[in-house]
């Protein structure tokens, strides 16, 4: 018995599982379109895409200007999964674990202090757009860190660098690449996982995180952020963003985290 390529491919997906089952994923952008069209919308008045030989990937990157002693809340949004803004979805289309990778650079005038958000992933209930929980990539007092929040209750939990030797600092004038992996906790249990690599070195690892309490809410909104605490700098400056990836697999290996090997598929009988 012979099978068409279409049927065989369908069987492979059925047995092994589609690599990307969540609507809107994987999401990638290096701003090579020369604009912000890869994002849905945002408060982007101070964000421009520039053509520069110093882009991390390709010829373009995003440039966000910030002003001294002011709280800047500039951002871009991307919806995925079961977010209400992209239609009606089932829980089967929600994201349970995610990989986020991005590259950032501060100009030399930046003096790290206070804290500043670089990227966020919001969780909602899939019915309305109210943010309920968050995973936040931070520059915290000059070092990269993760924070998660129960934003409805205004409760925040810092996850600083805890592995890999000395902490990796922000390096003004140089690109840093950040890769984050997180997995939802089982509702009611503290078994969520959060990891972050800084320039390919694992620096953050927590395996007992209660990301969403007793709910079954899921991550479904990515935010490129340049929110700057007014204590961060006393001078005007620039933050650059480039080479974003958000998906269900490790962008550097393509293998799902903690996934068992797929069983063989019998193609002929």
C-alpha atoms as a PDB file:
ATOM      1  CA  UNK A   1       0.000   0.000   0.000  1.00  0.00           C
ATOM      2  CA  UNK A   2       1.373   3.389  -1.005  1.00  0.00           C
ATOM      3  CA  UNK A   3       0.831   6.696   0.747  1.00  0.00           C
ATOM      4  CA  UNK A   4       0.919  10.155  -0.789  1.00  0.00           C
ATOM      5  CA  UNK A   5       3.445  12.649   0.550  1.00  0.00           C
ATOM      6  CA  UNK A   6       0.540  14.649   2.010  1.00  0.00           C
ATOM      7  CA  UNK A   7      -0.829  11.668   3.926  1.00  0.00           C
ATOM      8  CA  UNK A   8       2.619  10.679   5.168  1.00  0.00           C
ATOM      9  CA  UNK A   9       3.282  14.227   6.357  1.00  0.00           C
ATOM     10  CA  UNK A  10      -0.082  14.253   8.099  1.00  0.00           C
ATOM     11  CA  UNK A  11       0.721  10.986   9.857  1.00  0.00           C
ATOM     12  CA  UNK A  12       4.056  12.349  10.991  1.00  0.00           C
ATOM     13  CA  UNK A  13       2.370  15.384  12.503  1.00  0.00           C
ATOM     14  CA  UNK A  14      -0.295  13.239  14.138  1.00  0.00           C
ATOM     15  CA  UNK A  15       2.225  10.954  15.807  1.00  0.00           C
ATOM     16  CA  UNK A  16       5.002  13.354  16.682  1.00  0.00           C
ATOM     17  CA  UNK A  17       2.898  16.481  17.239  1.00  0.00           C
ATOM     18  CA  UNK A  18       3.156  19.657  15.233  1.00  0.00           C
ATOM     19  CA  UNK A  19       6.284  21.615  16.088  1.00  0.00           C
ATOM     20  CA  UNK A  20       4.263  24.819  16.250  1.00  0.00           C
ATOM     21  CA  UNK A  21       0.639  24.304  17.279  1.00  0.00           C
ATOM     22  CA  UNK A  22      -0.055  27.675  18.873  1.00  0.00           C
ATOM     23  CA  UNK A  23      -1.587  30.285  16.609  1.00  0.00           C
ATOM     24  CA  UNK A  24       0.850  33.075  15.754  1.00  0.00           C
ATOM     25  CA  UNK A  25       3.985  31.098  16.613  1.00  0.00           C
ATOM     26  CA  UNK A  26       6.793  31.047  15.845  1.00  0.00           C
ATOM     27  CA  UNK A  27       7.164  34.820  15.711  1.00  0.00           C
ATOM     28  CA  UNK A  28      10.421  36.256  14.396  1.00  0.00           C
ATOM     29  CA  UNK A  29      11.543  39.722  13.436  1.00  0.00           C
ATOM     30  CA  UNK A  30      14.854  41.417  12.792  1.00  0.00           C
ATOM     31  CA  UNK A  31      13.116  44.584  11.553  1.00  0.00           C
ATOM     32  CA  UNK A  32      14.409  43.933   8.024  1.00  0.00           C
ATOM     33  CA  UNK A  33      11.139  45.279   6.607  1.00  0.00           C
ATOM     34  CA  UNK A  34      12.428  48.682   7.678  1.00  0.00           C
ATOM     35  CA  UNK A  35       9.356  49.371   9.808  1.00  0.00           C
ATOM     36  CA  UNK A  36       7.329  48.029  12.747  1.00  0.00           C
ATOM     37  CA  UNK A  37       4.787  46.114  10.654  1.00  0.00           C
ATOM     38  CA  UNK A  38       5.612  42.743  12.251  1.00  0.00           C
ATOM     39  CA  UNK A  39       4.019  43.958  15.493  1.00  0.00           C
ATOM     40  CA  UNK A  40       0.306  44.491  16.065  1.00  0.00           C
ATOM     41  CA  UNK A  41       0.415  47.912  17.675  1.00  0.00           C
ATOM     42  CA  UNK A  42       1.758  49.820  20.643  1.00  0.00           C
ATOM     43  CA  UNK A  43       2.775  53.112  22.159  1.00  0.00           C
ATOM     44  CA  UNK A  44       5.683  53.498  19.775  1.00  0.00           C
ATOM     45  CA  UNK A  45       6.112  57.251  19.408  1.00  0.00           C
ATOM     46  CA  UNK A  46       9.772  57.037  20.398  1.00  0.00           C
ATOM     47  CA  UNK A  47      10.545  53.832  18.474  1.00  0.00           C
ATOM     48  CA  UNK A  48      12.073  53.967  15.006  1.00  0.00           C
ATOM     49  CA  UNK A  49      13.659  51.365  12.754  1.00  0.00           C
ATOM     50  CA  UNK A  50      17.084  52.412  11.547  1.00  0.00           C
ATOM     51  CA  UNK A  51      19.401  51.176   8.810  1.00  0.00           C
ATOM     52  CA  UNK A  52      22.775  50.670  10.428  1.00  0.00           C
ATOM     53  CA  UNK A  53      25.882  48.562   9.930  1.00  0.00           C
ATOM     54  CA  UNK A  54      25.814  48.009  13.697  1.00  0.00           C
ATOM     55  CA  UNK A  55      22.508  46.082  13.697  1.00  0.00           C
ATOM     56  CA  UNK A  56      22.783  42.771  15.503  1.00  0.00           C
ATOM     57  CA  UNK A  57      21.221  40.831  12.636  1.00  0.00           C
ATOM     58  CA  UNK A  58      20.922  42.107   9.079  1.00  0.00           C
ATOM     59  CA  UNK A  59      20.832  45.812   8.283  1.00  0.00           C
ATOM     60  CA  UNK A  60      18.069  47.117  10.544  1.00  0.00           C
ATOM     61  CA  UNK A  61      17.219  47.297  14.232  1.00  0.00           C
ATOM     62  CA  UNK A  62      14.749  49.143  16.448  1.00  0.00           C
ATOM     63  CA  UNK A  63      15.965  52.274  18.192  1.00  0.00           C
ATOM     64  CA  UNK A  64      14.177  53.682  21.241  1.00  0.00           C
ATOM     65  CA  UNK A  65      15.155  57.092  22.569  1.00  0.00           C
ATOM     66  CA  UNK A  66      14.814  57.752  26.274  1.00  0.00           C
ATOM     67  CA  UNK A  67      15.085  60.981  28.222  1.00  0.00           C
ATOM     68  CA  UNK A  68      16.810  61.629  31.514  1.00  0.00           C
ATOM     69  CA  UNK A  69      14.815  61.485  34.760  1.00  0.00           C
ATOM     70  CA  UNK A  70      11.577  60.468  33.007  1.00  0.00           C
ATOM     71  CA  UNK A  71       9.568  57.242  33.171  1.00  0.00           C
ATOM     72  CA  UNK A  72       9.349  56.115  29.549  1.00  0.00           C
ATOM     73  CA  UNK A  73       6.652  53.559  28.745  1.00  0.00           C
ATOM     74  CA  UNK A  74       7.264  52.847  25.077  1.00  0.00           C
ATOM     75  CA  UNK A  75       6.165  49.427  23.824  1.00  0.00           C
ATOM     76  CA  UNK A  76       5.139  47.183  20.921  1.00  0.00           C
ATOM     77  CA  UNK A  77       2.603  44.335  21.208  1.00  0.00           C
ATOM     78  CA  UNK A  78       2.321  40.936  19.543  1.00  0.00           C
ATOM     79  CA  UNK A  79      -0.666  38.645  20.252  1.00  0.00           C
ATOM     80  CA  UNK A  80      -0.620  34.864  19.938  1.00  0.00           C
ATOM     81  CA  UNK A  81      -2.271  31.699  21.242  1.00  0.00           C
ATOM     82  CA  UNK A  82      -5.623  32.213  22.945  1.00  0.00           C
ATOM     83  CA  UNK A  83      -5.489  36.003  23.236  1.00  0.00           C
ATOM     84  CA  UNK A  84      -8.937  37.485  22.702  1.00  0.00           C
ATOM     85  CA  UNK A  85      -7.596  40.049  20.217  1.00  0.00           C
ATOM     86  CA  UNK A  86      -6.976  37.374  17.583  1.00  0.00           C
ATOM     87  CA  UNK A  87     -10.303  35.610  17.850  1.00  0.00           C
ATOM     88  CA  UNK A  88     -11.961  32.736  19.646  1.00  0.00           C
ATOM     89  CA  UNK A  89      -9.645  29.874  20.594  1.00  0.00           C
ATOM     90  CA  UNK A  90      -9.689  26.700  22.578  1.00  0.00           C
ATOM     91  CA  UNK A  91      -7.388  25.836  25.444  1.00  0.00           C
ATOM     92  CA  UNK A  92      -5.735  23.313  23.150  1.00  0.00           C
ATOM     93  CA  UNK A  93      -4.300  26.229  21.188  1.00  0.00           C
ATOM     94  CA  UNK A  94      -2.813  27.926  24.239  1.00  0.00           C
ATOM     95  CA  UNK A  95       0.906  28.026  24.967  1.00  0.00           C
ATOM     96  CA  UNK A  96       2.147  25.959  27.903  1.00  0.00           C
ATOM     97  CA  UNK A  97       5.878  26.595  27.483  1.00  0.00           C
ATOM     98  CA  UNK A  98       7.740  29.209  25.487  1.00  0.00           C
ATOM     99  CA  UNK A  99      11.167  30.282  24.314  1.00  0.00           C
ATOM    100  CA  UNK A 100      11.918  33.980  23.889  1.00  0.00           C
ATOM    101  CA  UNK A 101      15.149  35.259  22.400  1.00  0.00           C
ATOM    102  CA  UNK A 102      16.211  38.850  21.741  1.00  0.00           C
ATOM    103  CA  UNK A 103      19.296  41.017  21.461  1.00  0.00           C
ATOM    104  CA  UNK A 104      19.633  44.426  23.107  1.00  0.00           C
ATOM    105  CA  UNK A 105      22.200  47.178  23.333  1.00  0.00           C
ATOM    106  CA  UNK A 106      22.412  50.362  25.393  1.00  0.00           C
ATOM    107  CA  UNK A 107      24.460  53.268  24.175  1.00  0.00           C
ATOM    108  CA  UNK A 108      27.535  54.294  26.138  1.00  0.00           C
ATOM    109  CA  UNK A 109      25.740  57.093  27.976  1.00  0.00           C
ATOM    110  CA  UNK A 110      23.604  54.648  29.916  1.00  0.00           C
ATOM    111  CA  UNK A 111      24.424  54.336  33.629  1.00  0.00           C
ATOM    112  CA  UNK A 112      22.714  51.247  35.108  1.00  0.00           C
ATOM    113  CA  UNK A 113      20.698  51.789  38.277  1.00  0.00           C
ATOM    114  CA  UNK A 114      17.104  51.210  39.261  1.00  0.00           C
ATOM    115  CA  UNK A 115      15.379  48.884  36.814  1.00  0.00           C
ATOM    116  CA  UNK A 116      14.207  48.794  33.233  1.00  0.00           C
ATOM    117  CA  UNK A 117      11.965  46.388  31.330  1.00  0.00           C
ATOM    118  CA  UNK A 118      13.182  44.899  28.062  1.00  0.00           C
ATOM    119  CA  UNK A 119      10.452  42.411  27.165  1.00  0.00           C
ATOM    120  CA  UNK A 120       7.320  41.011  28.795  1.00  0.00           C
ATOM    121  CA  UNK A 121       4.966  38.113  28.208  1.00  0.00           C
ATOM    122  CA  UNK A 122       1.460  38.650  29.576  1.00  0.00           C
ATOM    123  CA  UNK A 123      -1.008  35.939  30.623  1.00  0.00           C
ATOM    124  CA  UNK A 124      -4.778  36.440  30.255  1.00  0.00           C
ATOM    125  CA  UNK A 125      -7.832  34.260  30.819  1.00  0.00           C
ATOM    126  CA  UNK A 126      -8.412  33.943  27.059  1.00  0.00           C
ATOM    127  CA  UNK A 127     -11.772  35.712  27.352  1.00  0.00           C
ATOM    128  CA  UNK A 128     -10.791  39.337  27.887  1.00  0.00           C
ATOM    129  CA  UNK A 129      -7.576  41.305  27.423  1.00  0.00           C
ATOM    130  CA  UNK A 130      -6.931  42.008  31.109  1.00  0.00           C
ATOM    131  CA  UNK A 131      -3.373  41.056  32.042  1.00  0.00           C
ATOM    132  CA  UNK A 132      -3.336  38.635  34.971  1.00  0.00           C
ATOM    133  CA  UNK A 133       0.245  37.323  35.195  1.00  0.00           C
ATOM    134  CA  UNK A 134       3.548  38.288  33.596  1.00  0.00           C
ATOM    135  CA  UNK A 135       7.061  37.070  32.885  1.00  0.00           C
ATOM    136  CA  UNK A 136       9.394  40.069  32.561  1.00  0.00           C
ATOM    137  CA  UNK A 137      12.933  40.313  31.186  1.00  0.00           C
ATOM    138  CA  UNK A 138      14.684  42.999  33.223  1.00  0.00           C
ATOM    139  CA  UNK A 139      17.779  45.061  33.490  1.00  0.00           C
ATOM    140  CA  UNK A 140      17.778  45.156  37.270  1.00  0.00           C
ATOM    141  CA  UNK A 141      20.358  47.534  38.719  1.00  0.00           C
ATOM    142  CA  UNK A 142      22.751  46.835  35.862  1.00  0.00           C
ATOM    143  CA  UNK A 143      22.321  43.049  35.722  1.00  0.00           C
ATOM    144  CA  UNK A 144      19.974  40.984  33.583  1.00  0.00           C
ATOM    145  CA  UNK A 145      17.218  39.247  35.547  1.00  0.00           C
ATOM    146  CA  UNK A 146      13.720  37.809  35.304  1.00  0.00           C
ATOM    147  CA  UNK A 147      10.708  38.942  37.268  1.00  0.00           C
ATOM    148  CA  UNK A 148       7.254  37.408  37.328  1.00  0.00           C
ATOM    149  CA  UNK A 149       4.167  39.141  38.587  1.00  0.00           C
ATOM    150  CA  UNK A 150       0.630  38.656  39.804  1.00  0.00           C
ATOM    151  CA  UNK A 151      -0.185  41.948  38.178  1.00  0.00           C
ATOM    152  CA  UNK A 152      -3.849  41.970  39.265  1.00  0.00           C
ATOM    153  CA  UNK A 153      -2.657  42.161  42.877  1.00  0.00           C
ATOM    154  CA  UNK A 154       0.414  44.260  42.057  1.00  0.00           C
ATOM    155  CA  UNK A 155       2.748  41.571  43.419  1.00  0.00           C
ATOM    156  CA  UNK A 156       6.200  41.109  41.867  1.00  0.00           C
ATOM    157  CA  UNK A 157       8.788  38.367  42.361  1.00  0.00           C
ATOM    158  CA  UNK A 158      12.398  38.925  41.322  1.00  0.00           C
ATOM    159  CA  UNK A 159      14.352  35.968  39.917  1.00  0.00           C
ATOM    160  CA  UNK A 160      17.952  37.218  39.840  1.00  0.00           C
ATOM    161  CA  UNK A 161      20.914  35.426  38.314  1.00  0.00           C
ATOM    162  CA  UNK A 162      21.648  32.381  40.464  1.00  0.00           C
ATOM    163  CA  UNK A 163      23.840  30.046  38.366  1.00  0.00           C
ATOM    164  CA  UNK A 164      26.808  30.249  36.019  1.00  0.00           C
ATOM    165  CA  UNK A 165      29.300  32.052  38.228  1.00  0.00           C
ATOM    166  CA  UNK A 166      29.567  35.828  38.441  1.00  0.00           C
ATOM    167  CA  UNK A 167      26.501  37.767  37.340  1.00  0.00           C
ATOM    168  CA  UNK A 168      26.431  38.995  33.739  1.00  0.00           C
ATOM    169  CA  UNK A 169      26.103  42.785  33.708  1.00  0.00           C
ATOM    170  CA  UNK A 170      24.605  45.098  31.140  1.00  0.00           C
ATOM    171  CA  UNK A 171      27.399  46.182  28.794  1.00  0.00           C
ATOM    172  CA  UNK A 172      26.710  49.662  27.403  1.00  0.00           C
ATOM    173  CA  UNK A 173      27.939  49.950  23.835  1.00  0.00           C
ATOM    174  CA  UNK A 174      27.769  46.168  23.202  1.00  0.00           C
ATOM    175  CA  UNK A 175      25.037  43.820  22.077  1.00  0.00           C
ATOM    176  CA  UNK A 176      23.831  41.226  24.591  1.00  0.00           C
ATOM    177  CA  UNK A 177      21.715  38.227  23.597  1.00  0.00           C
ATOM    178  CA  UNK A 178      19.098  36.994  26.067  1.00  0.00           C
ATOM    179  CA  UNK A 179      17.278  33.687  25.735  1.00  0.00           C
ATOM    180  CA  UNK A 180      14.447  32.815  28.114  1.00  0.00           C
ATOM    181  CA  UNK A 181      12.564  29.555  28.605  1.00  0.00           C
ATOM    182  CA  UNK A 182       9.538  29.222  30.852  1.00  0.00           C
ATOM    183  CA  UNK A 183       6.912  26.568  31.467  1.00  0.00           C
ATOM    184  CA  UNK A 184       3.560  27.087  33.166  1.00  0.00           C
ATOM    185  CA  UNK A 185       3.073  25.650  36.618  1.00  0.00           C
ATOM    186  CA  UNK A 186       0.385  23.052  37.167  1.00  0.00           C
ATOM    187  CA  UNK A 187      -2.561  25.040  38.583  1.00  0.00           C
ATOM    188  CA  UNK A 188      -2.103  25.230  42.340  1.00  0.00           C
ATOM    189  CA  UNK A 189       1.442  23.830  42.342  1.00  0.00           C
ATOM    190  CA  UNK A 190       4.834  25.526  42.449  1.00  0.00           C
ATOM    191  CA  UNK A 191       6.373  23.513  39.634  1.00  0.00           C
ATOM    192  CA  UNK A 192       6.829  26.121  36.924  1.00  0.00           C
ATOM    193  CA  UNK A 193      10.248  26.546  35.333  1.00  0.00           C
ATOM    194  CA  UNK A 194      12.113  29.723  34.376  1.00  0.00           C
ATOM    195  CA  UNK A 195      15.555  29.829  32.769  1.00  0.00           C
ATOM    196  CA  UNK A 196      17.592  32.564  31.101  1.00  0.00           C
ATOM    197  CA  UNK A 197      20.832  32.468  29.159  1.00  0.00           C
ATOM    198  CA  UNK A 198      22.934  35.631  28.770  1.00  0.00           C
ATOM    199  CA  UNK A 199      25.244  35.476  25.768  1.00  0.00           C
ATOM    200  CA  UNK A 200      24.778  31.686  25.637  1.00  0.00           C
ATOM    201  CA  UNK A 201      25.590  31.110  29.331  1.00  0.00           C
ATOM    202  CA  UNK A 202      22.831  29.858  31.654  1.00  0.00           C
ATOM    203  CA  UNK A 203      22.514  32.512  34.368  1.00  0.00           C
ATOM    204  CA  UNK A 204      18.967  32.103  35.736  1.00  0.00           C
ATOM    205  CA  UNK A 205      17.363  28.780  36.670  1.00  0.00           C
ATOM    206  CA  UNK A 206      14.339  28.300  38.931  1.00  0.00           C
ATOM    207  CA  UNK A 207      12.264  25.117  38.935  1.00  0.00           C
ATOM    208  CA  UNK A 208       9.735  25.831  41.676  1.00  0.00           C
ATOM    209  CA  UNK A 209       7.956  28.875  40.302  1.00  0.00           C
ATOM    210  CA  UNK A 210       4.237  29.522  40.766  1.00  0.00           C
ATOM    211  CA  UNK A 211       3.674  31.610  37.646  1.00  0.00           C
ATOM    212  CA  UNK A 212      -0.141  31.581  37.516  1.00  0.00           C
ATOM    213  CA  UNK A 213      -1.321  30.434  40.967  1.00  0.00           C
ATOM    214  CA  UNK A 214      -4.349  28.101  40.758  1.00  0.00           C
ATOM    215  CA  UNK A 215      -5.574  29.325  37.374  1.00  0.00           C
ATOM    216  CA  UNK A 216      -5.239  27.793  33.923  1.00  0.00           C
ATOM    217  CA  UNK A 217      -4.448  31.176  32.338  1.00  0.00           C
ATOM    218  CA  UNK A 218      -1.851  31.130  29.598  1.00  0.00           C
ATOM    219  CA  UNK A 219       0.792  33.396  28.055  1.00  0.00           C
ATOM    220  CA  UNK A 220      -0.535  35.074  24.915  1.00  0.00           C
ATOM    221  CA  UNK A 221       0.959  38.537  24.467  1.00  0.00           C
ATOM    222  CA  UNK A 222       4.581  39.545  23.832  1.00  0.00           C
ATOM    223  CA  UNK A 223       5.656  43.110  24.554  1.00  0.00           C
ATOM    224  CA  UNK A 224       8.845  44.781  23.385  1.00  0.00           C
ATOM    225  CA  UNK A 225       9.414  47.259  26.173  1.00  0.00           C
ATOM    226  CA  UNK A 226      11.624  50.210  26.892  1.00  0.00           C
ATOM    227  CA  UNK A 227       9.974  51.205  30.162  1.00  0.00           C
ATOM    228  CA  UNK A 228      12.660  53.085  32.045  1.00  0.00           C
ATOM    229  CA  UNK A 229      12.560  53.834  35.747  1.00  0.00           C
ATOM    230  CA  UNK A 230      13.453  57.506  36.166  1.00  0.00           C
ATOM    231  CA  UNK A 231      16.315  56.468  38.455  1.00  0.00           C
ATOM    232  CA  UNK A 232      18.043  54.570  35.651  1.00  0.00           C
ATOM    233  CA  UNK A 233      19.924  57.404  34.009  1.00  0.00           C
ATOM    234  CA  UNK A 234      20.625  61.090  34.333  1.00  0.00           C
ATOM    235  CA  UNK A 235      21.313  61.541  30.615  1.00  0.00           C
ATOM    236  CA  UNK A 236      19.403  61.118  27.381  1.00  0.00           C
ATOM    237  CA  UNK A 237      20.224  57.915  25.540  1.00  0.00           C
ATOM    238  CA  UNK A 238      19.210  55.085  23.223  1.00  0.00           C
ATOM    239  CA  UNK A 239      18.236  51.434  23.638  1.00  0.00           C
ATOM    240  CA  UNK A 240      18.465  49.144  20.601  1.00  0.00           C
ATOM    241  CA  UNK A 241      16.434  45.946  20.064  1.00  0.00           C
ATOM    242  CA  UNK A 242      16.976  43.309  17.371  1.00  0.00           C
ATOM    243  CA  UNK A 243      16.538  39.670  16.349  1.00  0.00           C
ATOM    244  CA  UNK A 244      13.356  38.643  18.220  1.00  0.00           C
ATOM    245  CA  UNK A 245      12.109  35.064  18.377  1.00  0.00           C
ATOM    246  CA  UNK A 246       9.121  33.645  20.266  1.00  0.00           C
ATOM    247  CA  UNK A 247       8.137  30.023  19.851  1.00  0.00           C
ATOM    248  CA  UNK A 248       7.540  26.607  21.340  1.00  0.00           C
ATOM    249  CA  UNK A 249      10.998  25.252  20.531  1.00  0.00           C
ATOM    250  CA  UNK A 250      14.535  26.310  21.353  1.00  0.00           C
ATOM    251  CA  UNK A 251      15.616  28.596  18.485  1.00  0.00           C
ATOM    252  CA  UNK A 252      19.130  27.195  18.762  1.00  0.00           C
ATOM    253  CA  UNK A 253      18.207  23.532  18.499  1.00  0.00           C
ATOM    254  CA  UNK A 254      14.640  23.209  17.261  1.00  0.00           C
ATOM    255  CA  UNK A 255      13.902  20.529  19.870  1.00  0.00           C
ATOM    256  CA  UNK A 256      10.970  21.042  22.273  1.00  0.00           C
ATOM    257  CA  UNK A 257      12.069  21.424  25.884  1.00  0.00           C
ATOM    258  CA  UNK A 258      11.767  18.239  27.942  1.00  0.00           C
ATOM    259  CA  UNK A 259      10.110  16.415  25.037  1.00  0.00           C
ATOM    260  CA  UNK A 260      10.435  12.623  24.796  1.00  0.00           C
ATOM    261  CA  UNK A 261      11.640  11.140  21.500  1.00  0.00           C
ATOM    262  CA  UNK A 262       8.889  10.480  18.971  1.00  0.00           C
ATOM    263  CA  UNK A 263       8.025   6.848  18.198  1.00  0.00           C
ATOM    264  CA  UNK A 264       8.802   5.496  14.723  1.00  0.00           C
ATOM    265  CA  UNK A 265       6.170   5.852  12.022  1.00  0.00           C
ATOM    266  CA  UNK A 266       5.377   2.869   9.795  1.00  0.00           C
ATOM    267  CA  UNK A 267       5.051   4.216   6.261  1.00  0.00           C
ATOM    268  CA  UNK A 268       4.401   1.003   4.342  1.00  0.00           C
ATOM    269  CA  UNK A 269       2.343  -2.071   5.127  1.00  0.00           C
END
